[in-house]
């Protein structure tokens, strides 16, 4: 599995961003991003969450703990409900999660 520095660099390149562009977008210097990508420095929990939100991936993916990039609501709901929810209830929960994610993204754009 990849480590944090590899994942960060890969995600940055997928978006065709320079170190400076990413740094500006997340409020860090390009030197700090470079140190993260080289493995010379590790991010704080707050910065890790900012980067995960920015790239819309899980922190576990960013840390190299899983290869699953994105949160999968269906799997999580199924795991926690253990078959106790009807198909209609599952749809309502998925719709709620989708609405919350959309609202969160809109709020972040305002900032």
PDB file of N, CA and C in Angstrom:
ATOM      1  N   UNK A   1       0.831  -1.186   0.000  1.00  0.00           N
ATOM      2  CA  UNK A   1       0.000   0.000   0.000  1.00  0.00           C
ATOM      3  C   UNK A   1       0.876   1.251   0.000  1.00  0.00           C
ATOM      4  N   UNK A   2       0.381   2.267  -0.611  1.00  0.00           N
ATOM      5  CA  UNK A   2       1.116   3.529  -0.656  1.00  0.00           C
ATOM      6  C   UNK A   2       1.079   4.224   0.690  1.00  0.00           C
ATOM      7  N   UNK A   3       2.019   5.133   0.871  1.00  0.00           N
ATOM      8  CA  UNK A   3       2.015   5.922   2.092  1.00  0.00           C
ATOM      9  C   UNK A   3       1.466   7.318   1.810  1.00  0.00           C
ATOM     10  N   UNK A   4       1.375   8.128   2.848  1.00  0.00           N
ATOM     11  CA  UNK A   4       0.797   9.459   2.734  1.00  0.00           C
ATOM     12  C   UNK A   4       1.469  10.293   1.651  1.00  0.00           C
ATOM     13  N   UNK A   5       2.786  10.318   1.643  1.00  0.00           N
ATOM     14  CA  UNK A   5       3.492  11.174   0.682  1.00  0.00           C
ATOM     15  C   UNK A   5       3.179  10.765  -0.761  1.00  0.00           C
ATOM     16  N   UNK A   6       3.133   9.476  -1.027  1.00  0.00           N
ATOM     17  CA  UNK A   6       2.805   8.993  -2.372  1.00  0.00           C
ATOM     18  C   UNK A   6       1.373   9.360  -2.762  1.00  0.00           C
ATOM     19  N   UNK A   7       0.454   9.174  -1.807  1.00  0.00           N
ATOM     20  CA  UNK A   7      -0.952   9.460  -2.092  1.00  0.00           C
ATOM     21  C   UNK A   7      -1.167  10.946  -2.351  1.00  0.00           C
ATOM     22  N   UNK A   8      -0.545  11.790  -1.543  1.00  0.00           N
ATOM     23  CA  UNK A   8      -0.709  13.231  -1.720  1.00  0.00           C
ATOM     24  C   UNK A   8      -0.199  13.665  -3.090  1.00  0.00           C
ATOM     25  N   UNK A   9       0.972  13.211  -3.440  1.00  0.00           N
ATOM     26  CA  UNK A   9       1.562  13.584  -4.730  1.00  0.00           C
ATOM     27  C   UNK A   9       0.699  13.091  -5.883  1.00  0.00           C
ATOM     28  N   UNK A  10       0.215  11.868  -5.778  1.00  0.00           N
ATOM     29  CA  UNK A  10      -0.631  11.298  -6.819  1.00  0.00           C
ATOM     30  C   UNK A  10      -1.934  12.083  -6.973  1.00  0.00           C
ATOM     31  N   UNK A  11      -2.569  12.414  -5.870  1.00  0.00           N
ATOM     32  CA  UNK A  11      -3.816  13.178  -5.927  1.00  0.00           C
ATOM     33  C   UNK A  11      -3.592  14.571  -6.512  1.00  0.00           C
ATOM     34  N   UNK A  12      -2.487  15.195  -6.125  1.00  0.00           N
ATOM     35  CA  UNK A  12      -2.166  16.530  -6.662  1.00  0.00           C
ATOM     36  C   UNK A  12      -1.975  16.457  -8.170  1.00  0.00           C
ATOM     37  N   UNK A  13      -1.246  15.452  -8.611  1.00  0.00           N
ATOM     38  CA  UNK A  13      -0.986  15.311 -10.049  1.00  0.00           C
ATOM     39  C   UNK A  13      -2.256  14.966 -10.822  1.00  0.00           C
ATOM     40  N   UNK A  14      -3.144  14.174 -10.226  1.00  0.00           N
ATOM     41  CA  UNK A  14      -4.420  13.848 -10.872  1.00  0.00           C
ATOM     42  C   UNK A  14      -5.216  15.118 -11.171  1.00  0.00           C
ATOM     43  N   UNK A  15      -5.093  16.113 -10.300  1.00  0.00           N
ATOM     44  CA  UNK A  15      -5.805  17.380 -10.491  1.00  0.00           C
ATOM     45  C   UNK A  15      -4.969  18.389 -11.275  1.00  0.00           C
ATOM     46  N   UNK A  16      -3.796  17.965 -11.741  1.00  0.00           N
ATOM     47  CA  UNK A  16      -2.901  18.845 -12.502  1.00  0.00           C
ATOM     48  C   UNK A  16      -2.575  20.132 -11.746  1.00  0.00           C
ATOM     49  N   UNK A  17      -2.264  19.981 -10.473  1.00  0.00           N
ATOM     50  CA  UNK A  17      -1.926  21.129  -9.634  1.00  0.00           C
ATOM     51  C   UNK A  17      -0.426  21.194  -9.387  1.00  0.00           C
ATOM     52  N   UNK A  18       0.094  22.394  -9.324  1.00  0.00           N
ATOM     53  CA  UNK A  18       1.469  22.577  -8.881  1.00  0.00           C
ATOM     54  C   UNK A  18       1.480  22.560  -7.364  1.00  0.00           C
ATOM     55  N   UNK A  19       2.676  22.468  -6.794  1.00  0.00           N
ATOM     56  CA  UNK A  19       2.798  22.553  -5.334  1.00  0.00           C
ATOM     57  C   UNK A  19       2.208  23.870  -4.833  1.00  0.00           C
ATOM     58  N   UNK A  20       2.525  24.950  -5.535  1.00  0.00           N
ATOM     59  CA  UNK A  20       2.055  26.279  -5.135  1.00  0.00           C
ATOM     60  C   UNK A  20       0.534  26.387  -5.213  1.00  0.00           C
ATOM     61  N   UNK A  21      -0.059  25.824  -6.261  1.00  0.00           N
ATOM     62  CA  UNK A  21      -1.518  25.895  -6.412  1.00  0.00           C
ATOM     63  C   UNK A  21      -2.217  25.135  -5.291  1.00  0.00           C
ATOM     64  N   UNK A  22      -1.744  23.934  -5.007  1.00  0.00           N
ATOM     65  CA  UNK A  22      -2.331  23.163  -3.913  1.00  0.00           C
ATOM     66  C   UNK A  22      -2.147  23.898  -2.600  1.00  0.00           C
ATOM     67  N   UNK A  23      -0.937  24.381  -2.357  1.00  0.00           N
ATOM     68  CA  UNK A  23      -0.675  25.105  -1.126  1.00  0.00           C
ATOM     69  C   UNK A  23      -1.607  26.286  -0.951  1.00  0.00           C
ATOM     70  N   UNK A  24      -1.796  27.056  -2.005  1.00  0.00           N
ATOM     71  CA  UNK A  24      -2.679  28.226  -1.954  1.00  0.00           C
ATOM     72  C   UNK A  24      -4.112  27.803  -1.653  1.00  0.00           C
ATOM     73  N   UNK A  25      -4.563  26.732  -2.314  1.00  0.00           N
ATOM     74  CA  UNK A  25      -5.937  26.256  -2.135  1.00  0.00           C
ATOM     75  C   UNK A  25      -6.220  25.783  -0.715  1.00  0.00           C
ATOM     76  N   UNK A  26      -5.222  25.226  -0.044  1.00  0.00           N
ATOM     77  CA  UNK A  26      -5.450  24.672   1.297  1.00  0.00           C
ATOM     78  C   UNK A  26      -4.797  25.502   2.413  1.00  0.00           C
ATOM     79  N   UNK A  27      -4.192  26.627   2.037  1.00  0.00           N
ATOM     80  CA  UNK A  27      -3.620  27.516   3.042  1.00  0.00           C
ATOM     81  C   UNK A  27      -2.264  27.098   3.571  1.00  0.00           C
ATOM     82  N   UNK A  28      -1.455  26.464   2.720  1.00  0.00           N
ATOM     83  CA  UNK A  28      -0.114  26.038   3.111  1.00  0.00           C
ATOM     84  C   UNK A  28       0.887  26.561   2.087  1.00  0.00           C
ATOM     85  N   UNK A  29       2.144  26.580   2.447  1.00  0.00           N
ATOM     86  CA  UNK A  29       3.169  26.988   1.484  1.00  0.00           C
ATOM     87  C   UNK A  29       3.512  25.823   0.573  1.00  0.00           C
ATOM     88  N   UNK A  30       4.057  26.147  -0.600  1.00  0.00           N
ATOM     89  CA  UNK A  30       4.476  25.072  -1.493  1.00  0.00           C
ATOM     90  C   UNK A  30       5.625  24.275  -0.864  1.00  0.00           C
ATOM     91  N   UNK A  31       6.425  24.923  -0.028  1.00  0.00           N
ATOM     92  CA  UNK A  31       7.514  24.212   0.659  1.00  0.00           C
ATOM     93  C   UNK A  31       6.954  23.154   1.612  1.00  0.00           C
ATOM     94  N   UNK A  32       5.869  23.487   2.291  1.00  0.00           N
ATOM     95  CA  UNK A  32       5.245  22.520   3.209  1.00  0.00           C
ATOM     96  C   UNK A  32       4.688  21.340   2.429  1.00  0.00           C
ATOM     97  N   UNK A  33       3.998  21.623   1.325  1.00  0.00           N
ATOM     98  CA  UNK A  33       3.464  20.540   0.493  1.00  0.00           C
ATOM     99  C   UNK A  33       4.615  19.666  -0.012  1.00  0.00           C
ATOM    100  N   UNK A  34       5.700  20.292  -0.430  1.00  0.00           N
ATOM    101  CA  UNK A  34       6.865  19.553  -0.909  1.00  0.00           C
ATOM    102  C   UNK A  34       7.421  18.639   0.178  1.00  0.00           C
ATOM    103  N   UNK A  35       7.486  19.131   1.395  1.00  0.00           N
ATOM    104  CA  UNK A  35       7.989  18.308   2.509  1.00  0.00           C
ATOM    105  C   UNK A  35       7.057  17.130   2.782  1.00  0.00           C
ATOM    106  N   UNK A  36       5.746  17.356   2.680  1.00  0.00           N
ATOM    107  CA  UNK A  36       4.799  16.250   2.839  1.00  0.00           C
ATOM    108  C   UNK A  36       5.033  15.200   1.754  1.00  0.00           C
ATOM    109  N   UNK A  37       5.183  15.659   0.509  1.00  0.00           N
ATOM    110  CA  UNK A  37       5.343  14.724  -0.602  1.00  0.00           C
ATOM    111  C   UNK A  37       6.670  13.977  -0.570  1.00  0.00           C
ATOM    112  N   UNK A  38       7.680  14.579   0.002  1.00  0.00           N
ATOM    113  CA  UNK A  38       8.978  13.909   0.087  1.00  0.00           C
ATOM    114  C   UNK A  38       9.065  12.989   1.311  1.00  0.00           C
ATOM    115  N   UNK A  39       8.095  13.113   2.207  1.00  0.00           N
ATOM    116  CA  UNK A  39       8.101  12.312   3.428  1.00  0.00           C
ATOM    117  C   UNK A  39       8.919  12.923   4.542  1.00  0.00           C
ATOM    118  N   UNK A  40       9.425  14.149   4.322  1.00  0.00           N
ATOM    119  CA  UNK A  40      10.238  14.816   5.339  1.00  0.00           C
ATOM    120  C   UNK A  40       9.388  15.366   6.489  1.00  0.00           C
ATOM    121  N   UNK A  41       8.095  15.487   6.251  1.00  0.00           N
ATOM    122  CA  UNK A  41       7.209  16.061   7.261  1.00  0.00           C
ATOM    123  C   UNK A  41       5.854  15.366   7.180  1.00  0.00           C
ATOM    124  N   UNK A  42       5.212  15.207   8.333  1.00  0.00           N
ATOM    125  CA  UNK A  42       3.874  14.611   8.405  1.00  0.00           C
ATOM    126  C   UNK A  42       2.884  15.697   8.809  1.00  0.00           C
ATOM    127  N   UNK A  43       1.661  15.638   8.264  1.00  0.00           N
ATOM    128  CA  UNK A  43       0.665  16.663   8.595  1.00  0.00           C
ATOM    129  C   UNK A  43       0.032  16.425   9.962  1.00  0.00           C
ATOM    130  N   UNK A  44      -0.461  17.500  10.542  1.00  0.00           N
ATOM    131  CA  UNK A  44      -1.260  17.368  11.764  1.00  0.00           C
ATOM    132  C   UNK A  44      -2.613  16.766  11.378  1.00  0.00           C
ATOM    133  N   UNK A  45      -3.380  16.367  12.360  1.00  0.00           N
ATOM    134  CA  UNK A  45      -4.714  15.818  12.091  1.00  0.00           C
ATOM    135  C   UNK A  45      -5.580  16.849  11.372  1.00  0.00           C
ATOM    136  N   UNK A  46      -5.497  18.113  11.781  1.00  0.00           N
ATOM    137  CA  UNK A  46      -6.288  19.162  11.134  1.00  0.00           C
ATOM    138  C   UNK A  46      -5.936  19.301   9.659  1.00  0.00           C
ATOM    139  N   UNK A  47      -4.650  19.314   9.352  1.00  0.00           N
ATOM    140  CA  UNK A  47      -4.211  19.449   7.959  1.00  0.00           C
ATOM    141  C   UNK A  47      -4.598  18.203   7.159  1.00  0.00           C
ATOM    142  N   UNK A  48      -4.467  17.041   7.764  1.00  0.00           N
ATOM    143  CA  UNK A  48      -4.865  15.801   7.098  1.00  0.00           C
ATOM    144  C   UNK A  48      -6.336  15.871   6.695  1.00  0.00           C
ATOM    145  N   UNK A  49      -7.181  16.355   7.586  1.00  0.00           N
ATOM    146  CA  UNK A  49      -8.607  16.472   7.291  1.00  0.00           C
ATOM    147  C   UNK A  49      -8.864  17.509   6.196  1.00  0.00           C
ATOM    148  N   UNK A  50      -8.137  18.610   6.224  1.00  0.00           N
ATOM    149  CA  UNK A  50      -8.278  19.632   5.180  1.00  0.00           C
ATOM    150  C   UNK A  50      -7.914  19.040   3.818  1.00  0.00           C
ATOM    151  N   UNK A  51      -6.810  18.307   3.765  1.00  0.00           N
ATOM    152  CA  UNK A  51      -6.381  17.696   2.501  1.00  0.00           C
ATOM    153  C   UNK A  51      -7.377  16.631   2.029  1.00  0.00           C
ATOM    154  N   UNK A  52      -7.872  15.821   2.942  1.00  0.00           N
ATOM    155  CA  UNK A  52      -8.855  14.797   2.574  1.00  0.00           C
ATOM    156  C   UNK A  52     -10.129  15.453   2.038  1.00  0.00           C
ATOM    157  N   UNK A  53     -10.591  16.507   2.704  1.00  0.00           N
ATOM    158  CA  UNK A  53     -11.770  17.226   2.222  1.00  0.00           C
ATOM    159  C   UNK A  53     -11.506  17.842   0.854  1.00  0.00           C
ATOM    160  N   UNK A  54     -10.344  18.428   0.694  1.00  0.00           N
ATOM    161  CA  UNK A  54     -10.000  19.079  -0.569  1.00  0.00           C
ATOM    162  C   UNK A  54     -10.040  18.083  -1.734  1.00  0.00           C
ATOM    163  N   UNK A  55      -9.454  16.916  -1.530  1.00  0.00           N
ATOM    164  CA  UNK A  55      -9.399  15.906  -2.591  1.00  0.00           C
ATOM    165  C   UNK A  55     -10.628  14.999  -2.592  1.00  0.00           C
ATOM    166  N   UNK A  56     -11.506  15.203  -1.618  1.00  0.00           N
ATOM    167  CA  UNK A  56     -12.733  14.412  -1.492  1.00  0.00           C
ATOM    168  C   UNK A  56     -12.433  12.920  -1.384  1.00  0.00           C
ATOM    169  N   UNK A  57     -11.490  12.608  -0.501  1.00  0.00           N
ATOM    170  CA  UNK A  57     -11.137  11.220  -0.204  1.00  0.00           C
ATOM    171  C   UNK A  57     -11.197  11.036   1.308  1.00  0.00           C
ATOM    172  N   UNK A  58     -11.123   9.797   1.748  1.00  0.00           N
ATOM    173  CA  UNK A  58     -11.097   9.543   3.183  1.00  0.00           C
ATOM    174  C   UNK A  58      -9.692   9.781   3.734  1.00  0.00           C
ATOM    175  N   UNK A  59      -9.599  10.080   5.011  1.00  0.00           N
ATOM    176  CA  UNK A  59      -8.279  10.239   5.625  1.00  0.00           C
ATOM    177  C   UNK A  59      -7.540   8.907   5.615  1.00  0.00           C
ATOM    178  N   UNK A  60      -8.259   7.806   5.752  1.00  0.00           N
ATOM    179  CA  UNK A  60      -7.608   6.495   5.699  1.00  0.00           C
ATOM    180  C   UNK A  60      -6.963   6.260   4.339  1.00  0.00           C
ATOM    181  N   UNK A  61      -7.631   6.681   3.274  1.00  0.00           N
ATOM    182  CA  UNK A  61      -7.031   6.550   1.945  1.00  0.00           C
ATOM    183  C   UNK A  61      -5.769   7.400   1.862  1.00  0.00           C
ATOM    184  N   UNK A  62      -5.879   8.639   2.304  1.00  0.00           N
ATOM    185  CA  UNK A  62      -4.742   9.562   2.237  1.00  0.00           C
ATOM    186  C   UNK A  62      -3.550   9.034   3.029  1.00  0.00           C
ATOM    187  N   UNK A  63      -3.811   8.374   4.133  1.00  0.00           N
ATOM    188  CA  UNK A  63      -2.738   7.813   4.956  1.00  0.00           C
ATOM    189  C   UNK A  63      -2.204   6.486   4.424  1.00  0.00           C
ATOM    190  N   UNK A  64      -2.857   5.931   3.410  1.00  0.00           N
ATOM    191  CA  UNK A  64      -2.408   4.655   2.864  1.00  0.00           C
ATOM    192  C   UNK A  64      -2.911   3.456   3.636  1.00  0.00           C
ATOM    193  N   UNK A  65      -3.935   3.668   4.468  1.00  0.00           N
ATOM    194  CA  UNK A  65      -4.466   2.569   5.281  1.00  0.00           C
ATOM    195  C   UNK A  65      -5.490   1.733   4.530  1.00  0.00           C
ATOM    196  N   UNK A  66      -5.999   2.269   3.425  1.00  0.00           N
ATOM    197  CA  UNK A  66      -6.967   1.557   2.597  1.00  0.00           C
ATOM    198  C   UNK A  66      -6.798   2.022   1.154  1.00  0.00           C
ATOM    199  N   UNK A  67      -7.243   1.202   0.240  1.00  0.00           N
ATOM    200  CA  UNK A  67      -7.237   1.597  -1.162  1.00  0.00           C
ATOM    201  C   UNK A  67      -8.583   2.157  -1.601  1.00  0.00           C
ATOM    202  N   UNK A  68      -9.527   2.192  -0.676  1.00  0.00           N
ATOM    203  CA  UNK A  68     -10.853   2.743  -0.963  1.00  0.00           C
ATOM    204  C   UNK A  68     -10.789   4.258  -0.812  1.00  0.00           C
ATOM    205  N   UNK A  69     -10.836   4.963  -1.940  1.00  0.00           N
ATOM    206  CA  UNK A  69     -10.700   6.423  -1.919  1.00  0.00           C
ATOM    207  C   UNK A  69     -11.870   7.131  -1.259  1.00  0.00           C
ATOM    208  N   UNK A  70     -13.061   6.649  -1.539  1.00  0.00           N
ATOM    209  CA  UNK A  70     -14.251   7.394  -1.172  1.00  0.00           C
ATOM    210  C   UNK A  70     -15.077   6.662  -0.128  1.00  0.00           C
ATOM    211  N   UNK A  71     -15.762   7.430   0.653  1.00  0.00           N
ATOM    212  CA  UNK A  71     -16.706   6.912   1.628  1.00  0.00           C
ATOM    213  C   UNK A  71     -17.857   6.266   0.878  1.00  0.00           C
ATOM    214  N   UNK A  72     -18.205   5.066   1.237  1.00  0.00           N
ATOM    215  CA  UNK A  72     -19.313   4.375   0.588  1.00  0.00           C
ATOM    216  C   UNK A  72     -20.455   4.242   1.576  1.00  0.00           C
ATOM    217  N   UNK A  73     -21.443   5.099   1.402  1.00  0.00           N
ATOM    218  CA  UNK A  73     -22.561   5.153   2.339  1.00  0.00           C
ATOM    219  C   UNK A  73     -23.296   3.816   2.419  1.00  0.00           C
ATOM    220  N   UNK A  74     -23.542   3.174   1.280  1.00  0.00           N
ATOM    221  CA  UNK A  74     -24.300   1.922   1.284  1.00  0.00           C
ATOM    222  C   UNK A  74     -23.637   0.862   2.156  1.00  0.00           C
ATOM    223  N   UNK A  75     -22.318   0.718   2.030  1.00  0.00           N
ATOM    224  CA  UNK A  75     -21.601  -0.286   2.816  1.00  0.00           C
ATOM    225  C   UNK A  75     -21.680   0.029   4.301  1.00  0.00           C
ATOM    226  N   UNK A  76     -21.514   1.295   4.647  1.00  0.00           N
ATOM    227  CA  UNK A  76     -21.547   1.691   6.051  1.00  0.00           C
ATOM    228  C   UNK A  76     -22.941   1.518   6.637  1.00  0.00           C
ATOM    229  N   UNK A  77     -23.951   1.931   5.893  1.00  0.00           N
ATOM    230  CA  UNK A  77     -25.327   1.786   6.366  1.00  0.00           C
ATOM    231  C   UNK A  77     -25.654   0.313   6.557  1.00  0.00           C
ATOM    232  N   UNK A  78     -25.296  -0.508   5.581  1.00  0.00           N
ATOM    233  CA  UNK A  78     -25.578  -1.939   5.670  1.00  0.00           C
ATOM    234  C   UNK A  78     -24.882  -2.563   6.871  1.00  0.00           C
ATOM    235  N   UNK A  79     -23.633  -2.176   7.104  1.00  0.00           N
ATOM    236  CA  UNK A  79     -22.872  -2.716   8.221  1.00  0.00           C
ATOM    237  C   UNK A  79     -23.541  -2.364   9.551  1.00  0.00           C
ATOM    238  N   UNK A  80     -23.930  -1.112   9.707  1.00  0.00           N
ATOM    239  CA  UNK A  80     -24.485  -0.673  10.983  1.00  0.00           C
ATOM    240  C   UNK A  80     -25.931  -1.112  11.190  1.00  0.00           C
ATOM    241  N   UNK A  81     -26.686  -1.235  10.129  1.00  0.00           N
ATOM    242  CA  UNK A  81     -28.093  -1.604  10.292  1.00  0.00           C
ATOM    243  C   UNK A  81     -28.281  -3.115  10.353  1.00  0.00           C
ATOM    244  N   UNK A  82     -27.323  -3.872   9.818  1.00  0.00           N
ATOM    245  CA  UNK A  82     -27.350  -5.340   9.826  1.00  0.00           C
ATOM    246  C   UNK A  82     -28.704  -5.893   9.383  1.00  0.00           C
ATOM    247  N   UNK A  83     -29.198  -5.343   8.257  1.00  0.00           N
ATOM    248  CA  UNK A  83     -30.436  -5.857   7.688  1.00  0.00           C
ATOM    249  C   UNK A  83     -31.697  -5.368   8.368  1.00  0.00           C
ATOM    250  N   UNK A  84     -31.601  -4.448   9.294  1.00  0.00           N
ATOM    251  CA  UNK A  84     -32.773  -3.974  10.023  1.00  0.00           C
ATOM    252  C   UNK A  84     -33.539  -2.894   9.274  1.00  0.00           C
ATOM    253  N   UNK A  85     -32.936  -2.331   8.229  1.00  0.00           N
ATOM    254  CA  UNK A  85     -33.599  -1.276   7.473  1.00  0.00           C
ATOM    255  C   UNK A  85     -34.204  -1.841   6.190  1.00  0.00           C
ATOM    256  N   UNK A  86     -35.407  -1.363   5.881  1.00  0.00           N
ATOM    257  CA  UNK A  86     -36.037  -1.762   4.627  1.00  0.00           C
ATOM    258  C   UNK A  86     -35.327  -1.050   3.473  1.00  0.00           C
ATOM    259  N   UNK A  87     -35.616  -1.482   2.258  1.00  0.00           N
ATOM    260  CA  UNK A  87     -35.042  -0.819   1.085  1.00  0.00           C
ATOM    261  C   UNK A  87     -35.438   0.656   1.047  1.00  0.00           C
ATOM    262  N   UNK A  88     -36.674   0.933   1.415  1.00  0.00           N
ATOM    263  CA  UNK A  88     -37.149   2.325   1.440  1.00  0.00           C
ATOM    264  C   UNK A  88     -36.377   3.151   2.474  1.00  0.00           C
ATOM    265  N   UNK A  89     -36.147   2.573   3.651  1.00  0.00           N
ATOM    266  CA  UNK A  89     -35.372   3.273   4.689  1.00  0.00           C
ATOM    267  C   UNK A  89     -33.935   3.499   4.233  1.00  0.00           C
ATOM    268  N   UNK A  90     -33.351   2.504   3.564  1.00  0.00           N
ATOM    269  CA  UNK A  90     -31.984   2.648   3.059  1.00  0.00           C
ATOM    270  C   UNK A  90     -31.910   3.791   2.056  1.00  0.00           C
ATOM    271  N   UNK A  91     -32.911   3.898   1.200  1.00  0.00           N
ATOM    272  CA  UNK A  91     -32.938   4.981   0.222  1.00  0.00           C
ATOM    273  C   UNK A  91     -33.033   6.333   0.923  1.00  0.00           C
ATOM    274  N   UNK A  92     -33.858   6.418   1.958  1.00  0.00           N
ATOM    275  CA  UNK A  92     -33.997   7.683   2.698  1.00  0.00           C
ATOM    276  C   UNK A  92     -32.662   8.073   3.342  1.00  0.00           C
ATOM    277  N   UNK A  93     -31.959   7.114   3.904  1.00  0.00           N
ATOM    278  CA  UNK A  93     -30.666   7.395   4.535  1.00  0.00           C
ATOM    279  C   UNK A  93     -29.649   7.832   3.483  1.00  0.00           C
ATOM    280  N   UNK A  94     -29.596   7.139   2.348  1.00  0.00           N
ATOM    281  CA  UNK A  94     -28.680   7.526   1.264  1.00  0.00           C
ATOM    282  C   UNK A  94     -28.976   8.943   0.789  1.00  0.00           C
ATOM    283  N   UNK A  95     -30.265   9.250   0.600  1.00  0.00           N
ATOM    284  CA  UNK A  95     -30.655  10.596   0.158  1.00  0.00           C
ATOM    285  C   UNK A  95     -30.232  11.652   1.175  1.00  0.00           C
ATOM    286  N   UNK A  96     -30.396  11.352   2.448  1.00  0.00           N
ATOM    287  CA  UNK A  96     -29.991  12.288   3.500  1.00  0.00           C
ATOM    288  C   UNK A  96     -28.485  12.520   3.460  1.00  0.00           C
ATOM    289  N   UNK A  97     -27.723  11.451   3.327  1.00  0.00           N
ATOM    290  CA  UNK A  97     -26.264  11.581   3.259  1.00  0.00           C
ATOM    291  C   UNK A  97     -25.862  12.399   2.036  1.00  0.00           C
ATOM    292  N   UNK A  98     -26.469  12.109   0.903  1.00  0.00           N
ATOM    293  CA  UNK A  98     -26.163  12.870  -0.318  1.00  0.00           C
ATOM    294  C   UNK A  98     -26.452  14.356  -0.122  1.00  0.00           C
ATOM    295  N   UNK A  99     -27.579  14.668   0.522  1.00  0.00           N
ATOM    296  CA  UNK A  99     -27.938  16.068   0.762  1.00  0.00           C
ATOM    297  C   UNK A  99     -26.948  16.736   1.717  1.00  0.00           C
ATOM    298  N   UNK A 100     -26.537  16.025   2.748  1.00  0.00           N
ATOM    299  CA  UNK A 100     -25.569  16.577   3.703  1.00  0.00           C
ATOM    300  C   UNK A 100     -24.222  16.834   3.035  1.00  0.00           C
ATOM    301  N   UNK A 101     -23.775  15.906   2.197  1.00  0.00           N
ATOM    302  CA  UNK A 101     -22.508  16.080   1.488  1.00  0.00           C
ATOM    303  C   UNK A 101     -22.598  17.281   0.553  1.00  0.00           C
ATOM    304  N   UNK A 102     -23.710  17.395  -0.172  1.00  0.00           N
ATOM    305  CA  UNK A 102     -23.905  18.524  -1.088  1.00  0.00           C
ATOM    306  C   UNK A 102     -23.894  19.845  -0.310  1.00  0.00           C
ATOM    307  N   UNK A 103     -24.614  19.885   0.807  1.00  0.00           N
ATOM    308  CA  UNK A 103     -24.646  21.102   1.631  1.00  0.00           C
ATOM    309  C   UNK A 103     -23.263  21.459   2.146  1.00  0.00           C
ATOM    310  N   UNK A 104     -22.501  20.455   2.552  1.00  0.00           N
ATOM    311  CA  UNK A 104     -21.142  20.678   3.062  1.00  0.00           C
ATOM    312  C   UNK A 104     -20.265  21.266   1.978  1.00  0.00           C
ATOM    313  N   UNK A 105     -20.343  20.724   0.772  1.00  0.00           N
ATOM    314  CA  UNK A 105     -19.536  21.234  -0.338  1.00  0.00           C
ATOM    315  C   UNK A 105     -19.901  22.671  -0.671  1.00  0.00           C
ATOM    316  N   UNK A 106     -21.204  22.987  -0.632  1.00  0.00           N
ATOM    317  CA  UNK A 106     -21.642  24.352  -0.916  1.00  0.00           C
ATOM    318  C   UNK A 106     -21.134  25.323   0.157  1.00  0.00           C
ATOM    319  N   UNK A 107     -21.160  24.899   1.400  1.00  0.00           N
ATOM    320  CA  UNK A 107     -20.652  25.735   2.496  1.00  0.00           C
ATOM    321  C   UNK A 107     -19.150  25.994   2.343  1.00  0.00           C
ATOM    322  N   UNK A 108     -18.408  24.953   1.949  1.00  0.00           N
ATOM    323  CA  UNK A 108     -16.960  25.095   1.765  1.00  0.00           C
ATOM    324  C   UNK A 108     -16.651  26.077   0.631  1.00  0.00           C
ATOM    325  N   UNK A 109     -17.475  26.105  -0.413  1.00  0.00           N
ATOM    326  CA  UNK A 109     -17.270  27.026  -1.518  1.00  0.00           C
ATOM    327  C   UNK A 109     -17.462  28.471  -1.078  1.00  0.00           C
ATOM    328  N   UNK A 110     -18.341  28.692  -0.109  1.00  0.00           N
ATOM    329  CA  UNK A 110     -18.600  30.035   0.398  1.00  0.00           C
ATOM    330  C   UNK A 110     -17.401  30.577   1.175  1.00  0.00           C
ATOM    331  N   UNK A 111     -16.676  29.668   1.823  1.00  0.00           N
ATOM    332  CA  UNK A 111     -15.508  30.072   2.621  1.00  0.00           C
ATOM    333  C   UNK A 111     -14.438  30.480   1.712  1.00  0.00           C
TER     334      UNK A 111
END
